[in-house]
Protein backbone atom coordinates (compact mmCIF):
# COMPACT_ATOMS: atom_id res chain seq x y z
CA MET A 1 79.52 -26.71 -26.58
CA THR A 2 76.60 -26.91 -28.07
CA GLN A 3 74.96 -23.11 -29.85
CA HIS A 4 72.00 -22.49 -29.20
CA LYS A 5 69.67 -21.35 -31.86
CA LYS A 6 67.24 -18.81 -32.06
CA LYS A 7 63.91 -20.01 -31.53
CA PRO A 8 61.21 -20.16 -35.17
CA ALA A 9 59.06 -17.77 -36.04
CA PHE A 10 55.40 -18.49 -35.27
CA MET A 11 53.21 -19.56 -37.95
CA PRO A 12 49.68 -19.57 -38.08
CA GLY A 13 47.61 -22.14 -38.88
CA ARG A 14 49.46 -25.20 -37.36
CA GLY A 15 46.63 -26.18 -34.36
CA TYR A 16 48.31 -23.97 -31.35
CA THR A 17 48.01 -20.38 -30.81
CA LYS A 18 50.47 -17.58 -30.68
CA LYS A 19 50.26 -17.80 -26.78
CA ASP A 20 50.76 -21.05 -27.02
CA TRP A 21 54.21 -21.08 -28.60
CA ASP A 22 55.24 -18.31 -26.84
CA THR A 23 54.62 -19.61 -23.70
CA VAL A 24 57.04 -23.10 -24.49
CA ASP A 25 60.55 -23.16 -24.01
CA SER A 26 62.57 -25.60 -25.35
CA PRO A 27 66.06 -25.14 -25.15
CA GLU A 28 68.32 -27.52 -27.31
CA ALA A 29 70.28 -30.40 -25.38
CA THR A 30 73.55 -29.45 -24.20
CA ASP A 31 76.46 -32.03 -25.87
CA ALA A 32 76.25 -33.83 -21.77
CA GLU A 33 72.15 -34.58 -22.57
CA LEU A 34 72.93 -35.65 -26.21
CA ALA A 35 75.96 -38.11 -25.09
CA GLN A 36 73.20 -39.59 -22.70
CA ALA A 37 70.40 -40.06 -24.90
CA LYS A 38 69.48 -43.62 -26.09
CA PRO A 39 67.77 -44.87 -29.61
CA PHE A 40 64.12 -44.82 -29.25
CA ALA A 41 64.24 -48.18 -29.58
CA GLU A 42 66.28 -48.79 -26.48
CA ALA A 43 65.11 -45.87 -24.38
CA LEU A 44 61.10 -47.43 -25.17
CA PRO A 45 61.20 -51.24 -26.19
CA ASP A 46 57.39 -51.84 -25.40
CA LEU A 47 56.22 -48.96 -27.30
CA ALA A 48 58.83 -49.10 -30.18
CA ALA A 49 57.66 -52.98 -30.77
CA SER A 50 53.93 -52.03 -30.67
CA ILE A 51 54.63 -49.55 -33.79
CA ARG A 52 53.62 -50.75 -37.15
CA ARG A 53 56.89 -50.13 -39.93
CA GLY A 54 55.93 -49.44 -43.67
CA ARG A 55 52.66 -49.85 -45.25
CA GLY A 56 51.62 -53.19 -44.69
CA PRO A 57 49.69 -55.66 -47.06
CA GLN A 58 46.54 -53.75 -49.57
CA LYS A 59 42.97 -54.24 -48.60
CA SER A 60 41.91 -55.29 -52.06
CA PRO A 61 45.36 -55.93 -53.72
CA THR A 62 44.31 -55.09 -57.33
CA LYS A 63 48.26 -54.15 -58.01
CA ARG A 64 51.33 -55.95 -58.34
CA LEU A 65 54.77 -54.80 -57.34
CA ILE A 66 57.17 -54.73 -60.46
CA SER A 67 60.40 -54.02 -61.65
CA LEU A 68 60.21 -51.50 -64.97
CA ARG A 69 62.80 -49.72 -66.77
CA LEU A 70 61.67 -46.37 -68.12
CA ASP A 71 63.38 -43.01 -70.57
CA GLY A 72 64.53 -41.22 -67.63
CA ASP A 73 63.08 -37.57 -68.83
CA VAL A 74 59.57 -40.30 -69.12
CA VAL A 75 59.84 -40.49 -64.91
CA ASP A 76 61.11 -36.80 -64.75
CA LYS A 77 58.04 -35.50 -66.72
CA PHE A 78 55.84 -37.55 -64.20
CA LYS A 79 57.82 -37.08 -61.20
CA ARG A 80 57.36 -32.97 -61.68
CA THR A 81 53.72 -33.61 -61.18
CA GLY A 82 53.89 -33.94 -57.60
CA ASN A 83 53.10 -36.67 -55.63
CA GLY A 84 50.64 -39.23 -56.79
CA TRP A 85 52.55 -39.50 -60.07
CA GLN A 86 52.97 -43.28 -59.96
CA SER A 87 48.92 -43.48 -60.43
CA ARG A 88 48.75 -40.84 -63.23
CA MET A 89 51.29 -43.16 -65.12
CA ASN A 90 49.04 -45.89 -64.11
CA ASP A 91 46.23 -43.89 -65.53
CA VAL A 92 48.05 -42.94 -68.29
CA LEU A 93 48.97 -46.20 -69.37
CA ARG A 94 45.51 -47.87 -68.80
CA LYS A 95 44.24 -45.05 -71.24
CA ALA A 96 46.42 -46.15 -74.09
CA LYS A 97 45.20 -49.77 -73.86
CA VAL A 98 47.85 -51.29 -75.55
C-alpha cells in the first residue's frame, strides 16, 4: 500500500494564500487508483493533440544550429554562470571578431 506523505509547508509568494493552502486536501493516489491511471494522450487525446511540443520556429531566424566541440572546462565555466550561458558564449565569440 502507498504511504502517505505529510503535506509540504505553505510557501508565500506562490500565487495563493495560506487560507487557500489549508483548504485544499490532496491525498496521494492509492495503488488501485494508480493502476487505473492512463497516459495523458490516451485520457485526453484531443487536448494532447492541441498542445504544441518544442520551441517552434524562430520569429526571425538569425541563428544557426551547429555542432561544435569545445574543451570541457570552457563549457563548464559558462554553464556555471546559469541560464543563458549559450547567449553569453555567443557574446564572447562576437566580441573576439575572429
